[in-house]
Each structure stands twice: as structure tokens, then as C-alpha cells.
Amino acid sequence: MPYSRGNSGNPSRHDTGVVRIIAGRWRGRKLVFPALPGLRPTGDRLRETLFNWLQPILPGARCLDLFAGSGALGLEAASRDASRVRLIESDPVAAKALRNACALLEADQVEVFHADALAWLARPSPPAGTYDIIFLDPPFSGDLLNRAIPALEASGVLAAPAWIYLETARGAAITELPRNWHLHREKCSGDVCCRLFRRDPGAIEGAG
């Protein structure tokens, strides 16, 4: 959906969307996000399924959302007691909206970085800690997911073990899956498929 930033550099209130946090301490709170091309929050049904899968490991987990967009995944994780959440977002308008949402929620455990996800993963400085849960939900257009997967595996930010969530268009090919990522859960709804992988750093064989 196209939008006009106007003179202020920000989208108008008519060029925004809203997504609701499903559960946890911010249950029912609404997140306002800019209506940017390619920004597509994970729907409530798939989000509920994903966080049911993650519930046993989510409390206290360190989470990384590499294509944060609306914040629906990362802030849902924070609402459900993740100890640390880092949101990476390349669009300055979306990054500003994420910072505003964190301020309204008083989400002290959430950090927002305005950065390109692939460049952030490839940065030469050592990572500031590792992450237990990673959300990979880039725009469906282009080939960002297949570029992000090997970059993530090589980045040094993955804990041992780690859980990686991938969201794709139904029928989209995943061509760059490491052999030590093992499919744990999978579900499709409408035109979208979601998959949760467990990464075992000790496994050099196996199917993805």
C-alpha cells in the first residue's frame, strides 16, 4: 500500500496499520506501524501458533528480529517474558515507529536498531552476545530470506542451540538451508507458511 510522507518525513495517520499483541503483560495493546511497501505483519492465527510452539523456551530467552517491520513478533516475545529483544529495521520511518511503541510500552528489554539486516550480520565487530530465538520474516518480494539464512549462520550471533523462525509465501523455495538446521514445526495458512527450525551446532549431517 503506497503512502505519502508529506513534509514531516513521516507517514500520516491515514497511512498506518495496527496490530494487536496477543498475550502476556501487554495483552491487547495495539501497535501502530507505517503502511510501507513490503511491510506485512504476521497474522494473529500464525502468530498464536508460533508462540505456542515457543512457549516452553521463551521465558528468559534472548531474541533477535532481523526484519522487525511492525514489531509484531519481537514485541510479542517481549510481552511473553523474553529477557532481551533486539529489533533490526532498515526503514527509518518503521524504526521510529518501533521506538515509539517501545516507549509507550516501557519495554526496557527491547532495543531498536535502524540498520540493514544483512549488513548488521556481516559487521566486522564481534556480536554483542548470542540469541536463542531468531525471527526471519523479510518482505516476500526479492530473495532476502535466502540471502539472510547463510549470513545468519556465519554471523556468530546464534546460541547453542538456537531456534529460527522462517515465514515465507506459500510455495516459496528455501534454497540456502544449513544442514544443521532441523525442521521442528511447520504450518501454512492462506498464502503464508511458517516454519520453526532447531539449529544444532554439533550436527554436520542431516536434512533441513
C-alpha atoms as a PDB file:
ATOM      1  CA  MET A   1       0.000   0.000   0.000  1.00  0.00           C
ATOM      2  CA  PRO A   2       1.629   3.273  -1.071  1.00  0.00           C
ATOM      3  CA  TYR A   3       1.883   6.178   1.322  1.00  0.00           C
ATOM      4  CA  SER A   4       2.941   9.801   1.343  1.00  0.00           C
ATOM      5  CA  ARG A   5       5.427  11.025   3.929  1.00  0.00           C
ATOM      6  CA  GLY A   6       4.462  14.649   3.489  1.00  0.00           C
ATOM      7  CA  ASN A   7       6.662  17.494   4.643  1.00  0.00           C
ATOM      8  CA  SER A   8       7.464  15.948   8.001  1.00  0.00           C
ATOM      9  CA  GLY A   9       9.098  12.794   6.597  1.00  0.00           C
ATOM     10  CA  ASN A  10       6.588  10.639   8.471  1.00  0.00           C
ATOM     11  CA  PRO A  11       3.510   8.840   7.155  1.00  0.00           C
ATOM     12  CA  SER A  12       0.189  10.465   8.038  1.00  0.00           C
ATOM     13  CA  ARG A  13      -2.194   8.790  10.459  1.00  0.00           C
ATOM     14  CA  HIS A  14      -4.229   7.604   7.445  1.00  0.00           C
ATOM     15  CA  ASP A  15      -1.211   5.670   6.136  1.00  0.00           C
ATOM     16  CA  THR A  16      -0.779   3.396   9.129  1.00  0.00           C
ATOM     17  CA  GLY A  17      -1.850  -0.051  10.224  1.00  0.00           C
ATOM     18  CA  VAL A  18      -2.490  -1.609  13.597  1.00  0.00           C
ATOM     19  CA  VAL A  19      -1.511  -4.984  15.015  1.00  0.00           C
ATOM     20  CA  ARG A  20      -2.506  -6.318  18.432  1.00  0.00           C
ATOM     21  CA  ILE A  21      -0.288  -8.062  20.985  1.00  0.00           C
ATOM     22  CA  ILE A  22      -1.979 -11.378  21.688  1.00  0.00           C
ATOM     23  CA  ALA A  23      -0.782 -12.411  25.144  1.00  0.00           C
ATOM     24  CA  GLY A  24       1.491 -11.625  28.062  1.00  0.00           C
ATOM     25  CA  ARG A  25       1.876  -8.453  30.081  1.00  0.00           C
ATOM     26  CA  TRP A  26       0.900  -6.230  27.137  1.00  0.00           C
ATOM     27  CA  ARG A  27      -2.009  -8.394  26.032  1.00  0.00           C
ATOM     28  CA  GLY A  28      -4.470  -6.419  23.926  1.00  0.00           C
ATOM     29  CA  ARG A  29      -2.150  -3.447  23.400  1.00  0.00           C
ATOM     30  CA  LYS A  30      -2.123  -2.148  19.837  1.00  0.00           C
ATOM     31  CA  LEU A  31       0.992  -1.335  17.811  1.00  0.00           C
ATOM     32  CA  VAL A  32       0.701   1.321  15.127  1.00  0.00           C
ATOM     33  CA  PHE A  33       3.005   0.843  12.144  1.00  0.00           C
ATOM     34  CA  PRO A  34       3.536   2.728   8.869  1.00  0.00           C
ATOM     35  CA  ALA A  35       1.951   1.302   5.719  1.00  0.00           C
ATOM     36  CA  LEU A  36       5.197   0.720   3.869  1.00  0.00           C
ATOM     37  CA  PRO A  37       5.612  -1.452   0.770  1.00  0.00           C
ATOM     38  CA  GLY A  38       6.500  -4.987   1.831  1.00  0.00           C
ATOM     39  CA  LEU A  39       5.629  -4.441   5.499  1.00  0.00           C
ATOM     40  CA  ARG A  40       3.303  -7.328   6.291  1.00  0.00           C
ATOM     41  CA  PRO A  41       2.748  -8.212   9.958  1.00  0.00           C
ATOM     42  CA  THR A  42       2.370 -11.887  10.790  1.00  0.00           C
ATOM     43  CA  GLY A  43      -1.342 -12.609  11.177  1.00  0.00           C
ATOM     44  CA  ASP A  44      -2.895 -13.377  14.552  1.00  0.00           C
ATOM     45  CA  ARG A  45      -3.520 -17.048  13.775  1.00  0.00           C
ATOM     46  CA  LEU A  46       0.031 -17.838  12.689  1.00  0.00           C
ATOM     47  CA  ARG A  47       1.457 -15.701  15.490  1.00  0.00           C
ATOM     48  CA  GLU A  48      -0.573 -17.609  18.073  1.00  0.00           C
ATOM     49  CA  THR A  49       0.643 -20.895  16.595  1.00  0.00           C
ATOM     50  CA  LEU A  50       4.270 -19.756  16.601  1.00  0.00           C
ATOM     51  CA  PHE A  51       4.240 -18.596  20.200  1.00  0.00           C
ATOM     52  CA  ASN A  52       2.533 -21.797  21.312  1.00  0.00           C
ATOM     53  CA  TRP A  53       5.497 -23.632  19.763  1.00  0.00           C
ATOM     54  CA  LEU A  54       7.963 -21.315  21.500  1.00  0.00           C
ATOM     55  CA  GLN A  55       6.272 -21.116  24.908  1.00  0.00           C
ATOM     56  CA  PRO A  56       8.439 -23.766  26.636  1.00  0.00           C
ATOM     57  CA  ILE A  57      11.661 -21.910  25.734  1.00  0.00           C
ATOM     58  CA  LEU A  58      10.533 -18.283  25.518  1.00  0.00           C
ATOM     59  CA  PRO A  59      10.675 -17.075  29.162  1.00  0.00           C
ATOM     60  CA  GLY A  60      14.141 -15.647  29.706  1.00  0.00           C
ATOM     61  CA  ALA A  61      15.175 -16.134  26.076  1.00  0.00           C
ATOM     62  CA  ARG A  62      17.272 -13.656  24.075  1.00  0.00           C
ATOM     63  CA  CYS A  63      15.503 -12.850  20.809  1.00  0.00           C
ATOM     64  CA  LEU A  64      16.581 -11.231  17.540  1.00  0.00           C
ATOM     65  CA  ASP A  65      14.090  -9.962  14.961  1.00  0.00           C
ATOM     66  CA  LEU A  66      16.088  -9.209  11.821  1.00  0.00           C
ATOM     67  CA  PHE A  67      13.289  -7.696   9.711  1.00  0.00           C
ATOM     68  CA  ALA A  68      11.253  -6.187  12.528  1.00  0.00           C
ATOM     69  CA  GLY A  69       8.696  -4.214  10.492  1.00  0.00           C
ATOM     70  CA  SER A  70       5.662  -3.656  12.714  1.00  0.00           C
ATOM     71  CA  GLY A  71       7.335  -5.271  15.734  1.00  0.00           C
ATOM     72  CA  ALA A  72       4.577  -7.892  15.938  1.00  0.00           C
ATOM     73  CA  LEU A  73       6.999 -10.781  16.545  1.00  0.00           C
ATOM     74  CA  GLY A  74       9.681  -9.151  18.666  1.00  0.00           C
ATOM     75  CA  LEU A  75       7.293  -7.228  20.907  1.00  0.00           C
ATOM     76  CA  GLU A  76       5.058 -10.299  21.298  1.00  0.00           C
ATOM     77  CA  ALA A  77       8.152 -12.150  22.516  1.00  0.00           C
ATOM     78  CA  ALA A  78       8.949  -9.355  24.975  1.00  0.00           C
ATOM     79  CA  SER A  79       5.357  -9.375  26.210  1.00  0.00           C
ATOM     80  CA  ARG A  80       5.730 -13.088  26.935  1.00  0.00           C
ATOM     81  CA  ASP A  81       8.832 -12.678  29.125  1.00  0.00           C
ATOM     82  CA  ALA A  82      11.763 -12.837  26.749  1.00  0.00           C
ATOM     83  CA  SER A  83      14.666 -11.324  28.681  1.00  0.00           C
ATOM     84  CA  ARG A  84      16.156  -9.396  25.773  1.00  0.00           C
ATOM     85  CA  VAL A  85      14.838  -8.487  22.320  1.00  0.00           C
ATOM     86  CA  ARG A  86      16.768  -6.738  19.561  1.00  0.00           C
ATOM     87  CA  LEU A  87      14.797  -5.338  16.620  1.00  0.00           C
ATOM     88  CA  ILE A  88      16.628  -4.641  13.346  1.00  0.00           C
ATOM     89  CA  GLU A  89      14.756  -2.474  10.828  1.00  0.00           C
ATOM     90  CA  SER A  90      16.144  -0.856   7.670  1.00  0.00           C
ATOM     91  CA  ASP A  91      13.383   1.690   7.050  1.00  0.00           C
ATOM     92  CA  PRO A  92      13.800   4.877   9.124  1.00  0.00           C
ATOM     93  CA  VAL A  93      10.050   5.515   9.392  1.00  0.00           C
ATOM     94  CA  ALA A  94       9.368   1.977  10.615  1.00  0.00           C
ATOM     95  CA  ALA A  95      12.327   2.137  13.019  1.00  0.00           C
ATOM     96  CA  LYS A  96      10.965   5.363  14.503  1.00  0.00           C
ATOM     97  CA  ALA A  97       7.530   3.763  14.936  1.00  0.00           C
ATOM     98  CA  LEU A  98       9.171   0.838  16.746  1.00  0.00           C
ATOM     99  CA  ARG A  99      10.979   3.193  19.117  1.00  0.00           C
ATOM    100  CA  ASN A 100       7.709   4.995  19.808  1.00  0.00           C
ATOM    101  CA  ALA A 101       5.968   1.686  20.539  1.00  0.00           C
ATOM    102  CA  CYS A 102       8.740   0.624  22.927  1.00  0.00           C
ATOM    103  CA  ALA A 103       8.495   3.946  24.750  1.00  0.00           C
ATOM    104  CA  LEU A 104       4.723   3.633  25.138  1.00  0.00           C
ATOM    105  CA  LEU A 105       5.050   0.065  26.421  1.00  0.00           C
ATOM    106  CA  GLU A 106       8.037   0.940  28.640  1.00  0.00           C
ATOM    107  CA  ALA A 107       9.768  -2.020  27.027  1.00  0.00           C
ATOM    108  CA  ASP A 108      13.166  -1.631  28.654  1.00  0.00           C
ATOM    109  CA  GLN A 109      14.405  -5.031  27.489  1.00  0.00           C
ATOM    110  CA  VAL A 110      13.876  -4.143  23.804  1.00  0.00           C
ATOM    111  CA  GLU A 111      16.491  -2.407  21.622  1.00  0.00           C
ATOM    112  CA  VAL A 112      15.716  -0.961  18.197  1.00  0.00           C
ATOM    113  CA  PHE A 113      18.458  -0.617  15.575  1.00  0.00           C
ATOM    114  CA  HIS A 114      17.975   1.251  12.316  1.00  0.00           C
ATOM    115  CA  ALA A 115      20.164  -0.949  10.100  1.00  0.00           C
ATOM    116  CA  ASP A 116      20.127  -3.219   7.087  1.00  0.00           C
ATOM    117  CA  ALA A 117      19.826  -6.777   8.426  1.00  0.00           C
ATOM    118  CA  LEU A 118      22.391  -8.292   6.056  1.00  0.00           C
ATOM    119  CA  ALA A 119      24.907  -5.518   6.746  1.00  0.00           C
ATOM    120  CA  TRP A 120      24.306  -5.877  10.502  1.00  0.00           C
ATOM    121  CA  LEU A 121      25.011  -9.621  10.321  1.00  0.00           C
ATOM    122  CA  ALA A 122      28.182  -9.031   8.304  1.00  0.00           C
ATOM    123  CA  ARG A 123      29.634  -6.298  10.512  1.00  0.00           C
ATOM    124  CA  PRO A 124      33.301  -6.876  11.415  1.00  0.00           C
ATOM    125  CA  SER A 125      32.941  -6.187  15.144  1.00  0.00           C
ATOM    126  CA  PRO A 126      32.153  -9.180  17.389  1.00  0.00           C
ATOM    127  CA  PRO A 127      28.448  -9.718  18.180  1.00  0.00           C
ATOM    128  CA  ALA A 128      27.188  -8.368  21.487  1.00  0.00           C
ATOM    129  CA  GLY A 129      26.110 -11.734  22.830  1.00  0.00           C
ATOM    130  CA  THR A 130      24.160 -14.530  21.200  1.00  0.00           C
ATOM    131  CA  TYR A 131      20.459 -15.170  20.662  1.00  0.00           C
ATOM    132  CA  ASP A 132      18.280 -18.155  21.479  1.00  0.00           C
ATOM    133  CA  ILE A 133      15.380 -17.294  19.156  1.00  0.00           C
ATOM    134  CA  ILE A 134      15.664 -15.556  15.790  1.00  0.00           C
ATOM    135  CA  PHE A 135      12.765 -14.315  13.675  1.00  0.00           C
ATOM    136  CA  LEU A 136      13.356 -14.207   9.904  1.00  0.00           C
ATOM    137  CA  ASP A 137      10.326 -12.685   8.211  1.00  0.00           C
ATOM    138  CA  PRO A 138      11.572 -10.409   5.412  1.00  0.00           C
ATOM    139  CA  PRO A 139       9.394  -8.928   2.652  1.00  0.00           C
ATOM    140  CA  PHE A 140       8.298 -11.690   0.296  1.00  0.00           C
ATOM    141  CA  SER A 141       9.440  -9.861  -2.826  1.00  0.00           C
ATOM    142  CA  GLY A 142      13.059 -10.417  -3.792  1.00  0.00           C
ATOM    143  CA  ASP A 143      15.320 -13.074  -2.302  1.00  0.00           C
ATOM    144  CA  LEU A 144      16.134 -11.640   1.109  1.00  0.00           C
ATOM    145  CA  LEU A 145      15.370 -14.815   3.027  1.00  0.00           C
ATOM    146  CA  ASN A 146      17.764 -16.996   1.040  1.00  0.00           C
ATOM    147  CA  ARG A 147      20.470 -14.351   1.451  1.00  0.00           C
ATOM    148  CA  ALA A 148      19.800 -13.902   5.169  1.00  0.00           C
ATOM    149  CA  ILE A 149      19.954 -17.587   6.140  1.00  0.00           C
ATOM    150  CA  PRO A 150      23.665 -18.214   5.339  1.00  0.00           C
ATOM    151  CA  ALA A 151      24.546 -14.753   6.649  1.00  0.00           C
ATOM    152  CA  LEU A 152      22.857 -15.593   9.955  1.00  0.00           C
ATOM    153  CA  GLU A 153      24.595 -18.973  10.220  1.00  0.00           C
ATOM    154  CA  ALA A 154      28.003 -17.356   9.631  1.00  0.00           C
ATOM    155  CA  SER A 155      27.439 -14.314  11.854  1.00  0.00           C
ATOM    156  CA  GLY A 156      28.292 -15.720  15.281  1.00  0.00           C
ATOM    157  CA  VAL A 157      25.045 -14.492  16.864  1.00  0.00           C
ATOM    158  CA  LEU A 158      23.376 -17.916  17.216  1.00  0.00           C
ATOM    159  CA  ALA A 159      23.308 -19.578  20.621  1.00  0.00           C
ATOM    160  CA  ALA A 160      23.861 -23.312  21.048  1.00  0.00           C
ATOM    161  CA  PRO A 161      21.224 -24.482  20.396  1.00  0.00           C
ATOM    162  CA  ALA A 162      19.082 -21.826  18.707  1.00  0.00           C
ATOM    163  CA  TRP A 163      15.574 -21.698  17.307  1.00  0.00           C
ATOM    164  CA  ILE A 164      14.941 -19.940  13.987  1.00  0.00           C
ATOM    165  CA  TYR A 165      11.518 -18.952  12.693  1.00  0.00           C
ATOM    166  CA  LEU A 166      11.067 -18.526   8.931  1.00  0.00           C
ATOM    167  CA  GLU A 167       8.000 -17.034   7.284  1.00  0.00           C
ATOM    168  CA  THR A 168       7.517 -17.284   3.530  1.00  0.00           C
ATOM    169  CA  ALA A 169       4.921 -17.090   0.821  1.00  0.00           C
ATOM    170  CA  ARG A 170       3.303 -20.465   0.212  1.00  0.00           C
ATOM    171  CA  GLY A 171       5.350 -22.328  -2.374  1.00  0.00           C
ATOM    172  CA  ALA A 172       8.430 -20.150  -1.991  1.00  0.00           C
ATOM    173  CA  ALA A 173      11.681 -22.092  -2.294  1.00  0.00           C
ATOM    174  CA  ILE A 174      14.195 -22.085   0.551  1.00  0.00           C
ATOM    175  CA  THR A 175      17.468 -22.783  -1.224  1.00  0.00           C
ATOM    176  CA  GLU A 176      20.142 -21.953   1.371  1.00  0.00           C
ATOM    177  CA  LEU A 177      19.224 -24.030   4.422  1.00  0.00           C
ATOM    178  CA  PRO A 178      22.200 -25.183   6.535  1.00  0.00           C
ATOM    179  CA  ARG A 179      22.359 -28.929   7.170  1.00  0.00           C
ATOM    180  CA  ASN A 180      22.421 -28.398  10.925  1.00  0.00           C
ATOM    181  CA  TRP A 181      19.012 -26.653  10.899  1.00  0.00           C
ATOM    182  CA  HIS A 182      16.295 -29.240  11.534  1.00  0.00           C
ATOM    183  CA  LEU A 183      12.606 -28.627  10.944  1.00  0.00           C
ATOM    184  CA  HIS A 184      10.688 -28.739  14.221  1.00  0.00           C
ATOM    185  CA  ARG A 185       7.237 -27.419  13.281  1.00  0.00           C
ATOM    186  CA  GLU A 186       5.521 -26.203  10.121  1.00  0.00           C
ATOM    187  CA  LYS A 187       2.146 -24.660   9.291  1.00  0.00           C
ATOM    188  CA  CYS A 188       0.578 -22.911   6.299  1.00  0.00           C
ATOM    189  CA  SER A 189      -2.414 -20.590   6.417  1.00  0.00           C
ATOM    190  CA  GLY A 190      -3.731 -18.967   3.271  1.00  0.00           C
ATOM    191  CA  ASP A 191      -0.813 -17.719   1.194  1.00  0.00           C
ATOM    192  CA  VAL A 192       1.713 -17.835   4.058  1.00  0.00           C
ATOM    193  CA  CYS A 193       3.812 -20.657   5.520  1.00  0.00           C
ATOM    194  CA  CYS A 194       5.722 -20.583   8.789  1.00  0.00           C
ATOM    195  CA  ARG A 195       8.460 -22.960   9.907  1.00  0.00           C
ATOM    196  CA  LEU A 196      10.369 -23.315  13.133  1.00  0.00           C
ATOM    197  CA  PHE A 197      13.856 -24.826  12.925  1.00  0.00           C
ATOM    198  CA  ARG A 198      16.172 -26.003  15.676  1.00  0.00           C
ATOM    199  CA  ARG A 199      19.851 -25.368  14.999  1.00  0.00           C
ATOM    200  CA  ASP A 200      22.225 -27.962  16.389  1.00  0.00           C
ATOM    201  CA  PRO A 201      25.775 -26.593  16.086  1.00  0.00           C
ATOM    202  CA  GLY A 202      27.230 -30.057  16.607  1.00  0.00           C
ATOM    203  CA  ALA A 203      25.441 -31.641  13.680  1.00  0.00           C
ATOM    204  CA  ILE A 204      27.152 -31.539  10.313  1.00  0.00           C
ATOM    205  CA  GLU A 205      24.830 -34.012   8.654  1.00  0.00           C
ATOM    206  CA  GLY A 206      21.073 -34.084   8.366  1.00  0.00           C
ATOM    207  CA  ALA A 207      18.239 -32.664   6.366  1.00  0.00           C
ATOM    208  CA  GLY A 208      16.663 -29.267   6.638  1.00  0.00           C
END
